[in-house]
Amino acid sequence: MLLWDVRDLGRDTQSRPLQLSAKELEALWTDLGSEDAPRGYRAICSLRAGTQALAFFRERLRPAPPADSGRVARLIADLDDERFAVREKATTELEKLGKEIEPALHKALQGKPSLEVRRRIDRLLEKLESAAPSPEQLRLLRALEVLEHIGTPEARELLRTLAKGASGARLTQEAKASLDRLANRAVAGR
């Protein structure tokens, strides 16, 4: 068995603060969303070593807005429309809204919907559970990783702001998890 301690990977760049140009910051922001994991990792390392990353993230990162509950309710109702095209469109729109609508979908299942609606909601829930993150989601998750690595009071404050977003949103949940890990490290370091 071969074990690798990856905790120190990228630390060599941490000791040398980097001055990144606006163009470099934009390129690294793009790279954070890359499906090429090494490229995303290099962007994480560069950004956590860059002195401007926190200010850059303050401009780019916003708490996840809550889904419009009225719109979600209408889309769920449209899953039972007699026209196939309307049902398909509603399914597609609900899928785009992501994990934060899971509670509404589960609530709809409790209301004993028609077989068609139940099948569509079950498929939506399966897709939401197994879906790989989109490039935009990857970018946001990797940005949170950078903030967690930075770990300064300012970075923690931005994480707290992001953790106040829509409760079902992945960004909100991951920001809370980052804060929990930072708190656990602080307790363990005492």
C-alpha atoms as a PDB file:
ATOM      1  CA  MET A   1       0.000   0.000   0.000  1.00  0.00           C
ATOM      2  CA  LEU A   2       1.238   3.460  -0.869  1.00  0.00           C
ATOM      3  CA  LEU A   3      -0.050   6.477   1.069  1.00  0.00           C
ATOM      4  CA  TRP A   4       0.388  10.084   0.078  1.00  0.00           C
ATOM      5  CA  ASP A   5       0.124  12.993   2.486  1.00  0.00           C
ATOM      6  CA  VAL A   6      -1.444  15.692   0.333  1.00  0.00           C
ATOM      7  CA  ARG A   7      -1.929  18.257   3.063  1.00  0.00           C
ATOM      8  CA  ASP A   8       1.225  20.127   2.103  1.00  0.00           C
ATOM      9  CA  LEU A   9       0.703  20.127  -1.670  1.00  0.00           C
ATOM     10  CA  GLY A  10       0.852  23.632  -2.994  1.00  0.00           C
ATOM     11  CA  ARG A  11       2.223  25.076   0.243  1.00  0.00           C
ATOM     12  CA  ASP A  12       5.466  26.156  -1.410  1.00  0.00           C
ATOM     13  CA  THR A  13       3.495  28.826  -3.280  1.00  0.00           C
ATOM     14  CA  GLN A  14       1.851  29.973  -0.067  1.00  0.00           C
ATOM     15  CA  SER A  15       5.118  31.242   1.364  1.00  0.00           C
ATOM     16  CA  ARG A  16       5.712  33.519  -1.642  1.00  0.00           C
ATOM     17  CA  PRO A  17       2.800  35.895  -2.170  1.00  0.00           C
ATOM     18  CA  LEU A  18       2.112  36.353  -5.853  1.00  0.00           C
ATOM     19  CA  GLN A  19       1.179  39.633  -7.479  1.00  0.00           C
ATOM     20  CA  LEU A  20      -1.389  38.735 -10.101  1.00  0.00           C
ATOM     21  CA  SER A  21      -2.510  41.068 -12.864  1.00  0.00           C
ATOM     22  CA  ALA A  22      -6.185  41.564 -13.661  1.00  0.00           C
ATOM     23  CA  LYS A  23      -5.698  39.440 -16.780  1.00  0.00           C
ATOM     24  CA  GLU A  24      -4.094  36.631 -14.732  1.00  0.00           C
ATOM     25  CA  LEU A  25      -6.926  36.778 -12.185  1.00  0.00           C
ATOM     26  CA  GLU A  26      -9.503  36.466 -14.972  1.00  0.00           C
ATOM     27  CA  ALA A  27      -7.636  33.513 -16.489  1.00  0.00           C
ATOM     28  CA  LEU A  28      -7.415  31.792 -13.092  1.00  0.00           C
ATOM     29  CA  TRP A  29     -11.129  32.461 -12.505  1.00  0.00           C
ATOM     30  CA  THR A  30     -11.843  30.729 -15.809  1.00  0.00           C
ATOM     31  CA  ASP A  31      -9.499  27.869 -14.889  1.00  0.00           C
ATOM     32  CA  LEU A  32     -11.364  27.313 -11.607  1.00  0.00           C
ATOM     33  CA  GLY A  33     -14.315  26.162 -13.718  1.00  0.00           C
ATOM     34  CA  SER A  34     -12.255  23.816 -15.860  1.00  0.00           C
ATOM     35  CA  GLU A  35     -13.188  20.149 -16.003  1.00  0.00           C
ATOM     36  CA  ASP A  36      -9.435  19.509 -16.311  1.00  0.00           C
ATOM     37  CA  ALA A  37      -8.640  18.804 -12.640  1.00  0.00           C
ATOM     38  CA  PRO A  38      -4.890  19.639 -12.813  1.00  0.00           C
ATOM     39  CA  ARG A  39      -5.718  22.997 -14.384  1.00  0.00           C
ATOM     40  CA  GLY A  40      -8.285  23.683 -11.663  1.00  0.00           C
ATOM     41  CA  TYR A  41      -5.803  22.663  -8.970  1.00  0.00           C
ATOM     42  CA  ARG A  42      -3.098  24.954 -10.367  1.00  0.00           C
ATOM     43  CA  ALA A  43      -5.612  27.804 -10.338  1.00  0.00           C
ATOM     44  CA  ILE A  44      -6.442  27.051  -6.686  1.00  0.00           C
ATOM     45  CA  CYS A  45      -2.743  27.088  -5.736  1.00  0.00           C
ATOM     46  CA  SER A  46      -2.061  30.309  -7.626  1.00  0.00           C
ATOM     47  CA  LEU A  47      -5.095  32.092  -6.213  1.00  0.00           C
ATOM     48  CA  ARG A  48      -4.425  31.087  -2.627  1.00  0.00           C
ATOM     49  CA  ALA A  49      -0.891  32.437  -3.002  1.00  0.00           C
ATOM     50  CA  GLY A  50      -2.070  35.631  -4.691  1.00  0.00           C
ATOM     51  CA  THR A  51      -2.526  38.691  -2.562  1.00  0.00           C
ATOM     52  CA  GLN A  52      -5.508  39.937  -4.580  1.00  0.00           C
ATOM     53  CA  ALA A  53      -7.607  36.757  -4.520  1.00  0.00           C
ATOM     54  CA  LEU A  54      -9.770  37.786  -1.589  1.00  0.00           C
ATOM     55  CA  ALA A  55     -10.670  41.174  -3.077  1.00  0.00           C
ATOM     56  CA  PHE A  56     -11.294  39.521  -6.437  1.00  0.00           C
ATOM     57  CA  PHE A  57     -13.626  36.960  -4.838  1.00  0.00           C
ATOM     58  CA  ARG A  58     -15.533  39.662  -2.953  1.00  0.00           C
ATOM     59  CA  GLU A  59     -16.448  41.143  -6.342  1.00  0.00           C
ATOM     60  CA  ARG A  60     -17.412  37.782  -7.895  1.00  0.00           C
ATOM     61  CA  LEU A  61     -19.017  35.665  -5.174  1.00  0.00           C
ATOM     62  CA  ARG A  62     -22.549  36.280  -3.967  1.00  0.00           C
ATOM     63  CA  PRO A  63     -24.754  34.202  -1.679  1.00  0.00           C
ATOM     64  CA  ALA A  64     -27.002  31.819  -3.598  1.00  0.00           C
ATOM     65  CA  PRO A  65     -30.390  33.455  -4.129  1.00  0.00           C
ATOM     66  CA  PRO A  66     -33.438  31.459  -3.113  1.00  0.00           C
ATOM     67  CA  ALA A  67     -35.488  29.943  -5.885  1.00  0.00           C
ATOM     68  CA  ASP A  68     -38.740  31.744  -6.617  1.00  0.00           C
ATOM     69  CA  SER A  69     -41.159  29.496  -4.718  1.00  0.00           C
ATOM     70  CA  GLY A  70     -44.105  30.631  -6.852  1.00  0.00           C
ATOM     71  CA  ARG A  71     -42.253  29.750 -10.044  1.00  0.00           C
ATOM     72  CA  VAL A  72     -41.184  26.368  -8.624  1.00  0.00           C
ATOM     73  CA  ALA A  73     -44.794  25.613  -7.635  1.00  0.00           C
ATOM     74  CA  ARG A  74     -46.004  26.536 -11.142  1.00  0.00           C
ATOM     75  CA  LEU A  75     -43.353  24.342 -12.760  1.00  0.00           C
ATOM     76  CA  ILE A  76     -44.267  21.410 -10.511  1.00  0.00           C
ATOM     77  CA  ALA A  77     -47.941  21.927 -11.410  1.00  0.00           C
ATOM     78  CA  ASP A  78     -46.942  21.975 -15.092  1.00  0.00           C
ATOM     79  CA  LEU A  79     -45.514  18.471 -14.693  1.00  0.00           C
ATOM     80  CA  ASP A  80     -49.155  17.323 -14.745  1.00  0.00           C
ATOM     81  CA  ASP A  81     -50.222  19.410 -17.744  1.00  0.00           C
ATOM     82  CA  GLU A  82     -52.087  17.517 -20.439  1.00  0.00           C
ATOM     83  CA  ARG A  83     -49.654  18.803 -23.105  1.00  0.00           C
ATOM     84  CA  PHE A  84     -46.425  16.843 -23.397  1.00  0.00           C
ATOM     85  CA  ALA A  85     -44.399  19.900 -24.453  1.00  0.00           C
ATOM     86  CA  VAL A  86     -45.424  21.774 -21.298  1.00  0.00           C
ATOM     87  CA  ARG A  87     -44.470  18.809 -19.094  1.00  0.00           C
ATOM     88  CA  GLU A  88     -41.105  18.510 -20.838  1.00  0.00           C
ATOM     89  CA  LYS A  89     -40.376  22.228 -20.528  1.00  0.00           C
ATOM     90  CA  ALA A  90     -41.270  22.207 -16.831  1.00  0.00           C
ATOM     91  CA  THR A  91     -39.003  19.211 -16.241  1.00  0.00           C
ATOM     92  CA  THR A  92     -36.112  20.947 -18.008  1.00  0.00           C
ATOM     93  CA  GLU A  93     -36.638  24.188 -16.086  1.00  0.00           C
ATOM     94  CA  LEU A  94     -36.801  22.382 -12.741  1.00  0.00           C
ATOM     95  CA  GLU A  95     -33.610  20.511 -13.547  1.00  0.00           C
ATOM     96  CA  LYS A  96     -31.838  23.822 -14.239  1.00  0.00           C
ATOM     97  CA  LEU A  97     -32.811  25.142 -10.803  1.00  0.00           C
ATOM     98  CA  GLY A  98     -30.646  22.504  -9.141  1.00  0.00           C
ATOM     99  CA  LYS A  99     -30.511  20.958  -5.712  1.00  0.00           C
ATOM    100  CA  GLU A 100     -32.115  23.832  -3.859  1.00  0.00           C
ATOM    101  CA  ILE A 101     -35.557  22.764  -5.108  1.00  0.00           C
ATOM    102  CA  GLU A 102     -35.238  19.264  -3.636  1.00  0.00           C
ATOM    103  CA  PRO A 103     -37.406  20.129  -0.605  1.00  0.00           C
ATOM    104  CA  ALA A 104     -40.188  21.374  -2.905  1.00  0.00           C
ATOM    105  CA  LEU A 105     -39.964  18.183  -4.975  1.00  0.00           C
ATOM    106  CA  HIS A 106     -40.157  15.980  -1.881  1.00  0.00           C
ATOM    107  CA  LYS A 107     -43.116  18.006  -0.630  1.00  0.00           C
ATOM    108  CA  ALA A 108     -44.862  17.510  -3.980  1.00  0.00           C
ATOM    109  CA  LEU A 109     -44.367  13.747  -3.665  1.00  0.00           C
ATOM    110  CA  GLN A 110     -46.068  13.780  -0.267  1.00  0.00           C
ATOM    111  CA  GLY A 111     -49.166  15.287  -1.869  1.00  0.00           C
ATOM    112  CA  LYS A 112     -49.882  12.028  -3.742  1.00  0.00           C
ATOM    113  CA  PRO A 113     -49.411  13.316  -7.290  1.00  0.00           C
ATOM    114  CA  SER A 114     -50.383  11.498 -10.457  1.00  0.00           C
ATOM    115  CA  LEU A 115     -48.164   8.700 -11.709  1.00  0.00           C
ATOM    116  CA  GLU A 116     -46.757  10.979 -14.434  1.00  0.00           C
ATOM    117  CA  VAL A 117     -45.750  13.655 -11.919  1.00  0.00           C
ATOM    118  CA  ARG A 118     -44.303  11.070  -9.528  1.00  0.00           C
ATOM    119  CA  ARG A 119     -42.165   9.552 -12.294  1.00  0.00           C
ATOM    120  CA  ARG A 120     -40.906  12.941 -13.425  1.00  0.00           C
ATOM    121  CA  ILE A 121     -40.083  14.059  -9.879  1.00  0.00           C
ATOM    122  CA  ASP A 122     -38.336  10.754  -9.122  1.00  0.00           C
ATOM    123  CA  ARG A 123     -36.210  11.175 -12.262  1.00  0.00           C
ATOM    124  CA  LEU A 124     -35.435  14.772 -11.353  1.00  0.00           C
ATOM    125  CA  LEU A 125     -34.351  13.772  -7.855  1.00  0.00           C
ATOM    126  CA  GLU A 126     -32.122  11.024  -9.258  1.00  0.00           C
ATOM    127  CA  LYS A 127     -30.522  13.464 -11.703  1.00  0.00           C
ATOM    128  CA  LEU A 128     -29.987  16.068  -9.010  1.00  0.00           C
ATOM    129  CA  GLU A 129     -28.376  13.494  -6.747  1.00  0.00           C
ATOM    130  CA  SER A 130     -26.014  12.078  -9.355  1.00  0.00           C
ATOM    131  CA  ALA A 131     -25.289  15.181 -11.420  1.00  0.00           C
ATOM    132  CA  ALA A 132     -21.668  16.191 -11.859  1.00  0.00           C
ATOM    133  CA  PRO A 133     -21.069  19.831 -11.061  1.00  0.00           C
ATOM    134  CA  SER A 134     -21.317  22.226 -13.985  1.00  0.00           C
ATOM    135  CA  PRO A 135     -18.287  24.389 -14.832  1.00  0.00           C
ATOM    136  CA  GLU A 136     -19.901  27.284 -12.935  1.00  0.00           C
ATOM    137  CA  GLN A 137     -20.496  25.076  -9.885  1.00  0.00           C
ATOM    138  CA  LEU A 138     -16.906  23.815 -10.086  1.00  0.00           C
ATOM    139  CA  ARG A 139     -15.693  27.403 -10.173  1.00  0.00           C
ATOM    140  CA  LEU A 140     -17.695  28.296  -7.078  1.00  0.00           C
ATOM    141  CA  LEU A 141     -16.674  25.166  -5.163  1.00  0.00           C
ATOM    142  CA  ARG A 142     -13.007  25.696  -5.986  1.00  0.00           C
ATOM    143  CA  ALA A 143     -13.280  29.369  -4.990  1.00  0.00           C
ATOM    144  CA  LEU A 144     -14.582  28.205  -1.606  1.00  0.00           C
ATOM    145  CA  GLU A 145     -11.585  25.900  -1.357  1.00  0.00           C
ATOM    146  CA  VAL A 146      -9.279  28.864  -1.965  1.00  0.00           C
ATOM    147  CA  LEU A 147     -11.054  30.862   0.743  1.00  0.00           C
ATOM    148  CA  GLU A 148     -10.762  27.945   3.159  1.00  0.00           C
ATOM    149  CA  HIS A 149      -7.037  27.652   2.446  1.00  0.00           C
ATOM    150  CA  ILE A 150      -6.536  31.385   2.929  1.00  0.00           C
ATOM    151  CA  GLY A 151      -8.356  31.100   6.268  1.00  0.00           C
ATOM    152  CA  THR A 152      -7.866  34.717   7.336  1.00  0.00           C
ATOM    153  CA  PRO A 153     -10.595  36.556   9.264  1.00  0.00           C
ATOM    154  CA  GLU A 154     -11.532  38.337   6.005  1.00  0.00           C
ATOM    155  CA  ALA A 155     -11.803  35.018   4.152  1.00  0.00           C
ATOM    156  CA  ARG A 156     -13.932  33.603   6.980  1.00  0.00           C
ATOM    157  CA  GLU A 157     -16.190  36.646   6.797  1.00  0.00           C
ATOM    158  CA  LEU A 158     -16.760  36.101   3.078  1.00  0.00           C
ATOM    159  CA  LEU A 159     -17.496  32.418   3.794  1.00  0.00           C
ATOM    160  CA  ARG A 160     -20.021  33.482   6.467  1.00  0.00           C
ATOM    161  CA  THR A 161     -21.691  35.783   3.937  1.00  0.00           C
ATOM    162  CA  LEU A 162     -21.920  32.959   1.388  1.00  0.00           C
ATOM    163  CA  ALA A 163     -23.247  30.589   4.066  1.00  0.00           C
ATOM    164  CA  LYS A 164     -26.296  32.873   4.429  1.00  0.00           C
ATOM    165  CA  GLY A 165     -27.533  32.061   0.929  1.00  0.00           C
ATOM    166  CA  ALA A 166     -30.487  29.856   0.005  1.00  0.00           C
ATOM    167  CA  SER A 167     -30.523  26.920   2.416  1.00  0.00           C
ATOM    168  CA  GLY A 168     -30.746  24.181  -0.213  1.00  0.00           C
ATOM    169  CA  ALA A 169     -28.086  25.654  -2.508  1.00  0.00           C
ATOM    170  CA  ARG A 170     -24.830  23.757  -2.798  1.00  0.00           C
ATOM    171  CA  LEU A 171     -22.807  26.968  -2.467  1.00  0.00           C
ATOM    172  CA  THR A 172     -24.481  27.693   0.866  1.00  0.00           C
ATOM    173  CA  GLN A 173     -23.970  24.157   2.173  1.00  0.00           C
ATOM    174  CA  GLU A 174     -20.320  24.039   1.074  1.00  0.00           C
ATOM    175  CA  ALA A 175     -19.589  27.469   2.593  1.00  0.00           C
ATOM    176  CA  LYS A 176     -21.004  26.212   5.912  1.00  0.00           C
ATOM    177  CA  ALA A 177     -18.898  23.048   5.642  1.00  0.00           C
ATOM    178  CA  SER A 178     -15.768  25.162   5.014  1.00  0.00           C
ATOM    179  CA  LEU A 179     -16.517  27.240   8.104  1.00  0.00           C
ATOM    180  CA  ASP A 180     -17.007  24.074  10.146  1.00  0.00           C
ATOM    181  CA  ARG A 181     -13.667  22.666   8.969  1.00  0.00           C
ATOM    182  CA  LEU A 182     -11.917  25.945   9.774  1.00  0.00           C
ATOM    183  CA  ALA A 183     -13.486  25.957  13.244  1.00  0.00           C
ATOM    184  CA  ASN A 184     -12.416  22.341  13.822  1.00  0.00           C
ATOM    185  CA  ARG A 185      -8.849  23.161  12.770  1.00  0.00           C
ATOM    186  CA  ALA A 186      -8.791  26.094  15.170  1.00  0.00           C
ATOM    187  CA  VAL A 187      -9.956  23.845  18.033  1.00  0.00           C
ATOM    188  CA  ALA A 188      -7.482  21.092  17.090  1.00  0.00           C
ATOM    189  CA  GLY A 189      -4.648  23.617  16.898  1.00  0.00           C
ATOM    190  CA  ARG A 190      -5.078  24.709  20.509  1.00  0.00           C
END
